[in-house]
């Protein structure tokens, strides 16, 4: 956190989370603020609506989004909610020319699912199919390697 602050980089942390009784689709769940996370018998599987709103508001201010994986257990409903809502916002801003979006990292299987849900193939600027390797595509000046050379 200190390095981020020294670099004038804001890290957005969730303010609310979705806790579930079981790790399975449509499990009993509830949204809780950080101060009220259940001590036992619950798993944290997504971020809540307040956190989604916080991220989406920040996207309005950003010029570039580097996305390194889903926000919750994206493979299971309803714990795909945050990823879906933030992806939709990113897609809208990217389509409007207000945001450059770069996606990669994490378990690469989340990207095709996201693309098909929101037709993001035409809305993302770069898709780099490596777990951590895509960070090497960002130069020190913040521009994307290859993109400036016309390699889209």
N, C-alpha and C. Protein backbone atom coordinates (compact mmCIF):
# COMPACT_ATOMS: atom_id res chain seq x y z
N UNK A 1 0.82 -1.19 0.00
CA UNK A 1 0.00 0.00 0.00
C UNK A 1 0.87 1.26 0.00
N UNK A 2 1.98 1.21 0.72
CA UNK A 2 2.86 2.36 0.77
C UNK A 2 3.49 2.63 -0.59
N UNK A 3 3.86 1.58 -1.30
CA UNK A 3 4.43 1.73 -2.64
C UNK A 3 3.41 2.34 -3.58
N UNK A 4 2.18 1.87 -3.51
CA UNK A 4 1.13 2.41 -4.35
C UNK A 4 0.92 3.89 -4.06
N UNK A 5 0.86 4.23 -2.79
CA UNK A 5 0.65 5.62 -2.42
C UNK A 5 1.80 6.51 -2.90
N UNK A 6 3.03 6.02 -2.75
CA UNK A 6 4.19 6.78 -3.20
C UNK A 6 4.19 6.95 -4.71
N UNK A 7 3.55 6.04 -5.42
CA UNK A 7 3.48 6.10 -6.89
C UNK A 7 2.22 6.79 -7.37
N UNK A 8 1.46 7.40 -6.47
CA UNK A 8 0.21 8.06 -6.80
C UNK A 8 -0.76 7.09 -7.47
N UNK A 9 -0.79 5.86 -6.93
CA UNK A 9 -1.65 4.81 -7.45
C UNK A 9 -2.67 4.45 -6.38
N UNK A 10 -3.93 4.54 -6.73
CA UNK A 10 -4.98 4.22 -5.78
C UNK A 10 -5.38 2.76 -5.91
N UNK A 11 -5.38 2.06 -4.79
CA UNK A 11 -5.85 0.68 -4.76
C UNK A 11 -7.23 0.70 -4.12
N UNK A 12 -8.21 0.19 -4.84
CA UNK A 12 -9.58 0.18 -4.34
C UNK A 12 -9.84 -1.16 -3.67
N UNK A 13 -10.14 -1.11 -2.41
CA UNK A 13 -10.46 -2.32 -1.65
C UNK A 13 -11.96 -2.37 -1.40
N UNK A 14 -12.52 -3.56 -1.33
CA UNK A 14 -13.97 -3.66 -1.12
C UNK A 14 -14.39 -3.12 0.24
N UNK A 15 -15.61 -2.61 0.26
CA UNK A 15 -16.20 -2.11 1.51
C UNK A 15 -17.30 -3.05 1.99
N UNK A 16 -17.77 -3.92 1.08
CA UNK A 16 -18.75 -4.93 1.45
C UNK A 16 -18.49 -6.20 0.64
N UNK A 17 -18.92 -7.32 1.19
CA UNK A 17 -18.63 -8.62 0.57
C UNK A 17 -19.88 -9.50 0.61
N UNK A 18 -19.92 -10.46 -0.30
CA UNK A 18 -21.01 -11.42 -0.31
C UNK A 18 -20.50 -12.71 0.33
N UNK A 19 -21.12 -13.08 1.43
CA UNK A 19 -20.75 -14.29 2.17
C UNK A 19 -21.80 -15.37 1.90
N UNK A 20 -21.34 -16.60 1.72
CA UNK A 20 -22.25 -17.71 1.44
C UNK A 20 -22.02 -18.84 2.43
N UNK A 21 -23.10 -19.58 2.68
CA UNK A 21 -23.03 -20.73 3.59
C UNK A 21 -22.25 -21.89 2.99
N UNK A 22 -22.30 -22.02 1.66
CA UNK A 22 -21.62 -23.12 0.98
C UNK A 22 -20.98 -22.62 -0.30
N UNK A 23 -19.98 -23.34 -0.75
CA UNK A 23 -19.32 -23.03 -2.02
C UNK A 23 -20.02 -23.81 -3.13
N UNK A 24 -21.20 -23.29 -3.51
CA UNK A 24 -21.96 -23.93 -4.58
C UNK A 24 -22.90 -22.88 -5.18
N UNK A 25 -23.33 -23.10 -6.43
CA UNK A 25 -24.23 -22.14 -7.06
C UNK A 25 -25.50 -21.94 -6.23
N UNK A 26 -25.94 -20.69 -6.18
CA UNK A 26 -27.18 -20.30 -5.52
C UNK A 26 -27.26 -20.69 -4.04
N UNK A 27 -26.10 -20.79 -3.41
CA UNK A 27 -26.06 -21.09 -1.98
C UNK A 27 -26.69 -19.93 -1.19
N UNK A 28 -27.16 -20.24 0.00
CA UNK A 28 -27.65 -19.19 0.89
C UNK A 28 -26.53 -18.17 1.06
N UNK A 29 -26.86 -16.89 0.90
CA UNK A 29 -25.83 -15.86 0.98
C UNK A 29 -26.40 -14.55 1.51
N UNK A 30 -25.49 -13.68 1.91
CA UNK A 30 -25.88 -12.35 2.37
C UNK A 30 -24.72 -11.40 2.13
N UNK A 31 -25.05 -10.13 1.97
CA UNK A 31 -24.03 -9.09 1.79
C UNK A 31 -23.76 -8.46 3.14
N UNK A 32 -22.48 -8.33 3.46
CA UNK A 32 -22.09 -7.78 4.76
C UNK A 32 -21.02 -6.72 4.58
N UNK A 33 -21.03 -5.73 5.45
CA UNK A 33 -19.94 -4.75 5.48
C UNK A 33 -18.72 -5.43 6.10
N UNK A 34 -17.56 -4.87 5.86
CA UNK A 34 -16.31 -5.48 6.34
C UNK A 34 -16.32 -5.70 7.85
N UNK A 35 -16.96 -4.81 8.58
CA UNK A 35 -16.99 -4.92 10.04
C UNK A 35 -17.89 -6.05 10.53
N UNK A 36 -18.70 -6.62 9.62
CA UNK A 36 -19.68 -7.62 10.03
C UNK A 36 -19.52 -8.95 9.30
N UNK A 37 -18.29 -9.28 8.94
CA UNK A 37 -18.05 -10.56 8.27
C UNK A 37 -18.30 -11.68 9.28
N UNK A 38 -19.13 -12.66 8.91
CA UNK A 38 -19.41 -13.76 9.85
C UNK A 38 -18.12 -14.51 10.22
N UNK A 39 -17.99 -14.85 11.49
CA UNK A 39 -16.77 -15.47 11.99
C UNK A 39 -16.60 -16.91 11.51
N UNK A 40 -17.68 -17.68 11.50
CA UNK A 40 -17.57 -19.09 11.14
C UNK A 40 -18.74 -19.53 10.28
N UNK A 41 -18.50 -20.51 9.42
CA UNK A 41 -19.57 -21.12 8.66
C UNK A 41 -19.96 -20.39 7.38
N UNK A 42 -19.24 -19.35 7.02
CA UNK A 42 -19.52 -18.58 5.81
C UNK A 42 -18.24 -18.42 5.01
N UNK A 43 -18.38 -18.36 3.69
CA UNK A 43 -17.25 -18.11 2.80
C UNK A 43 -17.50 -16.83 2.03
N UNK A 44 -16.44 -16.06 1.77
CA UNK A 44 -16.57 -14.82 1.01
C UNK A 44 -16.39 -15.14 -0.47
N UNK A 45 -17.45 -14.91 -1.27
CA UNK A 45 -17.43 -15.35 -2.67
C UNK A 45 -17.56 -14.23 -3.70
N UNK A 46 -17.83 -13.01 -3.26
CA UNK A 46 -17.95 -11.90 -4.20
C UNK A 46 -17.85 -10.60 -3.42
N UNK A 47 -17.80 -9.50 -4.16
CA UNK A 47 -17.89 -8.19 -3.51
C UNK A 47 -19.33 -7.72 -3.62
N UNK A 48 -19.71 -6.79 -2.74
CA UNK A 48 -21.08 -6.32 -2.69
C UNK A 48 -21.36 -5.11 -3.57
N UNK A 49 -22.60 -4.68 -3.55
CA UNK A 49 -23.06 -3.58 -4.40
C UNK A 49 -22.35 -2.26 -4.12
N UNK A 50 -22.04 -1.98 -2.86
CA UNK A 50 -21.31 -0.74 -2.55
C UNK A 50 -19.93 -0.75 -3.20
N UNK A 51 -19.27 -1.90 -3.15
CA UNK A 51 -17.94 -2.02 -3.75
C UNK A 51 -18.02 -1.92 -5.27
N UNK A 52 -19.05 -2.53 -5.85
CA UNK A 52 -19.25 -2.45 -7.30
C UNK A 52 -19.44 -0.99 -7.72
N UNK A 53 -20.27 -0.27 -6.98
CA UNK A 53 -20.51 1.15 -7.29
C UNK A 53 -19.22 1.95 -7.18
N UNK A 54 -18.40 1.64 -6.18
CA UNK A 54 -17.13 2.33 -5.98
C UNK A 54 -16.20 2.09 -7.18
N UNK A 55 -16.11 0.86 -7.64
CA UNK A 55 -15.25 0.53 -8.78
C UNK A 55 -15.78 1.18 -10.05
N UNK A 56 -17.08 1.08 -10.29
CA UNK A 56 -17.66 1.66 -11.50
C UNK A 56 -17.50 3.17 -11.54
N UNK A 57 -17.62 3.83 -10.39
CA UNK A 57 -17.40 5.28 -10.33
C UNK A 57 -15.95 5.61 -10.67
N UNK A 58 -15.03 4.80 -10.17
CA UNK A 58 -13.61 5.05 -10.46
C UNK A 58 -13.31 4.82 -11.93
N UNK A 59 -13.98 3.85 -12.56
CA UNK A 59 -13.77 3.61 -13.99
C UNK A 59 -14.12 4.85 -14.81
N UNK A 60 -15.10 5.61 -14.37
CA UNK A 60 -15.49 6.84 -15.07
C UNK A 60 -14.33 7.84 -15.12
N UNK A 61 -13.44 7.78 -14.13
CA UNK A 61 -12.31 8.70 -14.04
C UNK A 61 -11.05 8.19 -14.74
N UNK A 62 -10.99 6.89 -14.98
CA UNK A 62 -9.78 6.26 -15.51
C UNK A 62 -9.63 6.44 -17.01
N UNK A 63 -8.39 6.35 -17.45
CA UNK A 63 -8.11 6.33 -18.89
C UNK A 63 -7.80 4.91 -19.34
N UNK A 64 -7.22 4.10 -18.44
CA UNK A 64 -6.82 2.73 -18.79
C UNK A 64 -7.23 1.78 -17.67
N UNK A 65 -7.75 0.63 -18.07
CA UNK A 65 -8.09 -0.44 -17.14
C UNK A 65 -7.23 -1.64 -17.49
N UNK A 66 -6.47 -2.14 -16.52
CA UNK A 66 -5.72 -3.38 -16.66
C UNK A 66 -6.39 -4.36 -15.71
N UNK A 67 -7.09 -5.35 -16.28
CA UNK A 67 -7.90 -6.25 -15.49
C UNK A 67 -7.23 -7.61 -15.43
N UNK A 68 -6.96 -8.07 -14.19
CA UNK A 68 -6.20 -9.30 -13.98
C UNK A 68 -7.05 -10.42 -13.38
N UNK A 69 -8.29 -10.52 -13.77
CA UNK A 69 -9.11 -11.62 -13.29
C UNK A 69 -10.43 -11.17 -12.72
N UNK A 70 -11.33 -12.11 -12.49
CA UNK A 70 -12.67 -11.78 -11.99
C UNK A 70 -12.65 -11.28 -10.55
N UNK A 71 -13.77 -10.69 -10.14
CA UNK A 71 -13.87 -10.12 -8.79
C UNK A 71 -14.41 -11.09 -7.76
N UNK A 72 -15.10 -12.11 -8.19
CA UNK A 72 -15.68 -13.09 -7.27
C UNK A 72 -15.55 -14.47 -7.87
N UNK A 73 -16.33 -15.40 -7.35
CA UNK A 73 -16.34 -16.75 -7.92
C UNK A 73 -17.22 -16.67 -9.16
N UNK A 74 -16.60 -16.24 -10.22
CA UNK A 74 -17.27 -15.88 -11.47
C UNK A 74 -18.01 -17.05 -12.12
N UNK A 75 -17.61 -18.25 -11.81
CA UNK A 75 -18.20 -19.42 -12.45
C UNK A 75 -19.56 -19.81 -11.86
N UNK A 76 -19.93 -19.23 -10.73
CA UNK A 76 -21.17 -19.63 -10.05
C UNK A 76 -22.10 -18.44 -9.83
N UNK A 77 -23.34 -18.62 -10.21
CA UNK A 77 -24.37 -17.62 -9.89
C UNK A 77 -24.76 -17.79 -8.43
N UNK A 78 -25.01 -16.75 -7.75
CA UNK A 78 -25.03 -15.34 -8.11
C UNK A 78 -23.70 -14.63 -7.84
N UNK A 79 -22.64 -15.40 -7.66
CA UNK A 79 -21.35 -14.83 -7.23
C UNK A 79 -20.54 -14.29 -8.41
N UNK A 80 -21.18 -14.24 -9.56
CA UNK A 80 -20.60 -13.62 -10.75
C UNK A 80 -21.09 -12.18 -10.91
N UNK A 81 -21.91 -11.73 -9.98
CA UNK A 81 -22.56 -10.42 -10.07
C UNK A 81 -21.57 -9.27 -10.23
N UNK A 82 -20.58 -9.18 -9.38
CA UNK A 82 -19.65 -8.05 -9.42
C UNK A 82 -18.86 -8.05 -10.73
N UNK A 83 -18.34 -9.20 -11.12
CA UNK A 83 -17.58 -9.27 -12.37
C UNK A 83 -18.46 -8.85 -13.54
N UNK A 84 -19.69 -9.34 -13.58
CA UNK A 84 -20.59 -8.99 -14.68
C UNK A 84 -20.87 -7.50 -14.73
N UNK A 85 -21.17 -6.89 -13.59
CA UNK A 85 -21.52 -5.47 -13.57
C UNK A 85 -20.32 -4.58 -13.89
N UNK A 86 -19.16 -4.92 -13.39
CA UNK A 86 -17.97 -4.11 -13.69
C UNK A 86 -17.56 -4.33 -15.15
N UNK A 87 -17.67 -5.54 -15.66
CA UNK A 87 -17.36 -5.81 -17.07
C UNK A 87 -18.28 -5.02 -17.98
N UNK A 88 -19.55 -4.98 -17.64
CA UNK A 88 -20.50 -4.22 -18.46
C UNK A 88 -20.14 -2.75 -18.49
N UNK A 89 -19.78 -2.19 -17.33
CA UNK A 89 -19.38 -0.78 -17.26
C UNK A 89 -18.11 -0.54 -18.08
N UNK A 90 -17.14 -1.42 -17.93
CA UNK A 90 -15.89 -1.29 -18.70
C UNK A 90 -16.18 -1.37 -20.19
N UNK A 91 -17.06 -2.28 -20.59
CA UNK A 91 -17.41 -2.43 -22.01
C UNK A 91 -18.07 -1.16 -22.54
N UNK A 92 -18.98 -0.59 -21.77
CA UNK A 92 -19.65 0.65 -22.20
C UNK A 92 -18.66 1.79 -22.37
N UNK A 93 -17.78 1.96 -21.39
CA UNK A 93 -16.81 3.05 -21.45
C UNK A 93 -15.80 2.84 -22.57
N UNK A 94 -15.40 1.59 -22.79
CA UNK A 94 -14.46 1.28 -23.86
C UNK A 94 -15.10 1.53 -25.21
N UNK A 95 -16.34 1.09 -25.39
CA UNK A 95 -17.06 1.29 -26.65
C UNK A 95 -17.25 2.77 -26.95
N UNK A 96 -17.39 3.58 -25.90
CA UNK A 96 -17.57 5.02 -26.06
C UNK A 96 -16.25 5.75 -26.27
N UNK A 97 -15.13 5.01 -26.24
CA UNK A 97 -13.82 5.63 -26.44
C UNK A 97 -13.30 6.36 -25.22
N UNK A 98 -13.88 6.12 -24.07
CA UNK A 98 -13.46 6.80 -22.84
C UNK A 98 -12.45 6.01 -22.03
N UNK A 99 -12.25 4.73 -22.38
CA UNK A 99 -11.41 3.85 -21.58
C UNK A 99 -10.66 2.89 -22.49
N UNK A 100 -9.38 2.71 -22.23
CA UNK A 100 -8.60 1.67 -22.88
C UNK A 100 -8.60 0.49 -21.93
N UNK A 101 -9.06 -0.66 -22.40
CA UNK A 101 -9.18 -1.84 -21.55
C UNK A 101 -8.21 -2.92 -21.98
N UNK A 102 -7.50 -3.45 -21.01
CA UNK A 102 -6.56 -4.55 -21.23
C UNK A 102 -6.96 -5.65 -20.27
N UNK A 103 -7.20 -6.85 -20.78
CA UNK A 103 -7.62 -7.96 -19.92
C UNK A 103 -6.69 -9.14 -20.10
N UNK A 104 -6.44 -9.84 -19.03
CA UNK A 104 -5.60 -11.02 -19.07
C UNK A 104 -5.41 -11.51 -17.66
N UNK A 105 -4.50 -12.43 -17.50
CA UNK A 105 -4.17 -12.90 -16.17
C UNK A 105 -5.21 -13.81 -15.56
N UNK A 106 -4.95 -14.19 -14.33
CA UNK A 106 -5.85 -15.08 -13.62
C UNK A 106 -5.99 -16.40 -14.35
N UNK A 107 -7.09 -17.07 -14.13
CA UNK A 107 -7.42 -18.28 -14.88
C UNK A 107 -7.98 -17.79 -16.20
N UNK A 108 -7.30 -18.04 -17.27
CA UNK A 108 -7.66 -17.44 -18.55
C UNK A 108 -9.06 -17.83 -19.01
N UNK A 109 -9.67 -18.85 -18.44
CA UNK A 109 -11.00 -19.27 -18.87
C UNK A 109 -12.08 -18.24 -18.56
N UNK A 110 -11.84 -17.34 -17.62
CA UNK A 110 -12.85 -16.34 -17.30
C UNK A 110 -13.05 -15.37 -18.44
N UNK A 111 -12.02 -15.11 -19.24
CA UNK A 111 -12.13 -14.12 -20.31
C UNK A 111 -13.12 -14.51 -21.41
N UNK A 112 -13.04 -15.73 -21.97
CA UNK A 112 -14.03 -16.07 -23.01
C UNK A 112 -15.47 -16.02 -22.51
N UNK A 113 -15.69 -16.43 -21.28
CA UNK A 113 -17.04 -16.38 -20.72
C UNK A 113 -17.51 -14.93 -20.67
N UNK A 114 -16.65 -14.05 -20.19
CA UNK A 114 -16.98 -12.64 -20.11
C UNK A 114 -17.24 -12.06 -21.49
N UNK A 115 -16.41 -12.44 -22.46
CA UNK A 115 -16.56 -11.92 -23.81
C UNK A 115 -17.92 -12.29 -24.40
N UNK A 116 -18.30 -13.52 -24.25
CA UNK A 116 -19.56 -13.96 -24.83
C UNK A 116 -20.75 -13.35 -24.11
N UNK A 117 -20.64 -13.11 -22.84
CA UNK A 117 -21.76 -12.49 -22.11
C UNK A 117 -21.99 -11.05 -22.55
N UNK A 118 -20.92 -10.34 -22.82
CA UNK A 118 -21.05 -8.90 -23.09
C UNK A 118 -20.53 -8.48 -24.46
N UNK A 119 -20.25 -9.43 -25.33
CA UNK A 119 -19.72 -9.12 -26.66
C UNK A 119 -18.51 -8.20 -26.55
N UNK A 120 -17.62 -8.54 -25.63
CA UNK A 120 -16.48 -7.68 -25.36
C UNK A 120 -15.36 -7.81 -26.39
N UNK A 121 -15.44 -8.77 -27.31
CA UNK A 121 -14.36 -8.92 -28.28
C UNK A 121 -14.11 -7.62 -29.03
N UNK A 122 -15.15 -6.89 -29.34
CA UNK A 122 -14.99 -5.66 -30.09
C UNK A 122 -14.81 -4.45 -29.18
N UNK A 123 -14.87 -4.66 -27.88
CA UNK A 123 -14.81 -3.53 -26.96
C UNK A 123 -13.51 -3.45 -26.16
N UNK A 124 -12.77 -4.54 -26.08
CA UNK A 124 -11.49 -4.49 -25.36
C UNK A 124 -10.38 -4.18 -26.36
N UNK A 125 -9.41 -3.43 -25.92
CA UNK A 125 -8.31 -3.07 -26.80
C UNK A 125 -7.27 -4.18 -26.91
N UNK A 126 -6.99 -4.84 -25.83
CA UNK A 126 -5.96 -5.87 -25.81
C UNK A 126 -6.45 -7.05 -24.98
N UNK A 127 -6.20 -8.23 -25.45
CA UNK A 127 -6.44 -9.45 -24.68
C UNK A 127 -5.15 -10.24 -24.75
N UNK A 128 -4.55 -10.48 -23.61
CA UNK A 128 -3.25 -11.13 -23.57
C UNK A 128 -3.39 -12.41 -22.76
N UNK A 129 -3.26 -13.57 -23.41
CA UNK A 129 -3.57 -14.85 -22.75
C UNK A 129 -2.46 -15.42 -21.90
N UNK A 130 -1.93 -14.65 -21.00
CA UNK A 130 -0.89 -15.14 -20.11
C UNK A 130 -1.28 -14.79 -18.69
N UNK A 131 -0.88 -15.61 -17.76
CA UNK A 131 -1.27 -15.35 -16.37
C UNK A 131 -0.69 -14.05 -15.84
N UNK A 132 0.58 -13.88 -15.90
CA UNK A 132 1.19 -12.65 -15.42
C UNK A 132 1.94 -11.93 -16.53
N UNK A 133 2.13 -12.59 -17.65
CA UNK A 133 2.97 -12.06 -18.71
C UNK A 133 2.48 -10.78 -19.32
N UNK A 134 1.20 -10.50 -19.24
CA UNK A 134 0.73 -9.31 -19.93
C UNK A 134 1.21 -8.04 -19.27
N UNK A 135 1.63 -8.10 -18.01
CA UNK A 135 2.19 -6.90 -17.40
C UNK A 135 3.47 -6.46 -18.10
N UNK A 136 4.15 -7.41 -18.74
CA UNK A 136 5.35 -7.08 -19.47
C UNK A 136 5.05 -6.32 -20.76
N UNK A 137 3.79 -6.26 -21.14
CA UNK A 137 3.40 -5.53 -22.34
C UNK A 137 3.19 -4.05 -22.07
N UNK A 138 3.25 -3.64 -20.82
CA UNK A 138 3.05 -2.25 -20.47
C UNK A 138 4.41 -1.61 -20.23
N UNK A 139 4.69 -0.59 -21.01
CA UNK A 139 5.99 0.07 -20.91
C UNK A 139 6.02 1.03 -19.73
N UNK A 140 7.22 1.49 -19.41
CA UNK A 140 7.37 2.42 -18.29
C UNK A 140 6.56 3.68 -18.47
N UNK A 141 6.38 4.13 -19.72
CA UNK A 141 5.60 5.35 -19.96
C UNK A 141 4.10 5.10 -19.95
N UNK A 142 3.69 3.83 -19.67
CA UNK A 142 2.29 3.52 -19.56
C UNK A 142 1.63 3.09 -20.86
N UNK A 143 2.34 3.21 -21.98
CA UNK A 143 1.75 2.80 -23.26
C UNK A 143 1.90 1.29 -23.43
N UNK A 144 1.06 0.73 -24.29
CA UNK A 144 1.09 -0.71 -24.52
C UNK A 144 2.09 -1.08 -25.60
N UNK A 145 2.97 -2.02 -25.31
CA UNK A 145 3.92 -2.52 -26.30
C UNK A 145 3.15 -3.10 -27.46
N UNK A 146 3.62 -2.95 -28.66
CA UNK A 146 2.99 -3.55 -29.82
C UNK A 146 1.83 -2.72 -30.34
N UNK A 147 1.05 -2.17 -29.46
CA UNK A 147 -0.09 -1.36 -29.90
C UNK A 147 0.40 -0.16 -30.67
N UNK A 148 1.48 0.46 -30.19
CA UNK A 148 2.02 1.61 -30.87
C UNK A 148 2.63 1.22 -32.21
N UNK A 149 3.00 -0.06 -32.34
CA UNK A 149 3.59 -0.52 -33.59
C UNK A 149 2.51 -1.06 -34.53
N UNK A 150 1.26 -0.95 -34.14
CA UNK A 150 0.17 -1.37 -35.00
C UNK A 150 -0.14 -2.84 -34.93
N UNK A 151 0.29 -3.50 -33.86
CA UNK A 151 0.08 -4.95 -33.74
C UNK A 151 -1.18 -5.30 -32.97
N UNK A 152 -2.29 -4.67 -33.25
CA UNK A 152 -3.53 -5.00 -32.54
C UNK A 152 -4.10 -6.29 -32.99
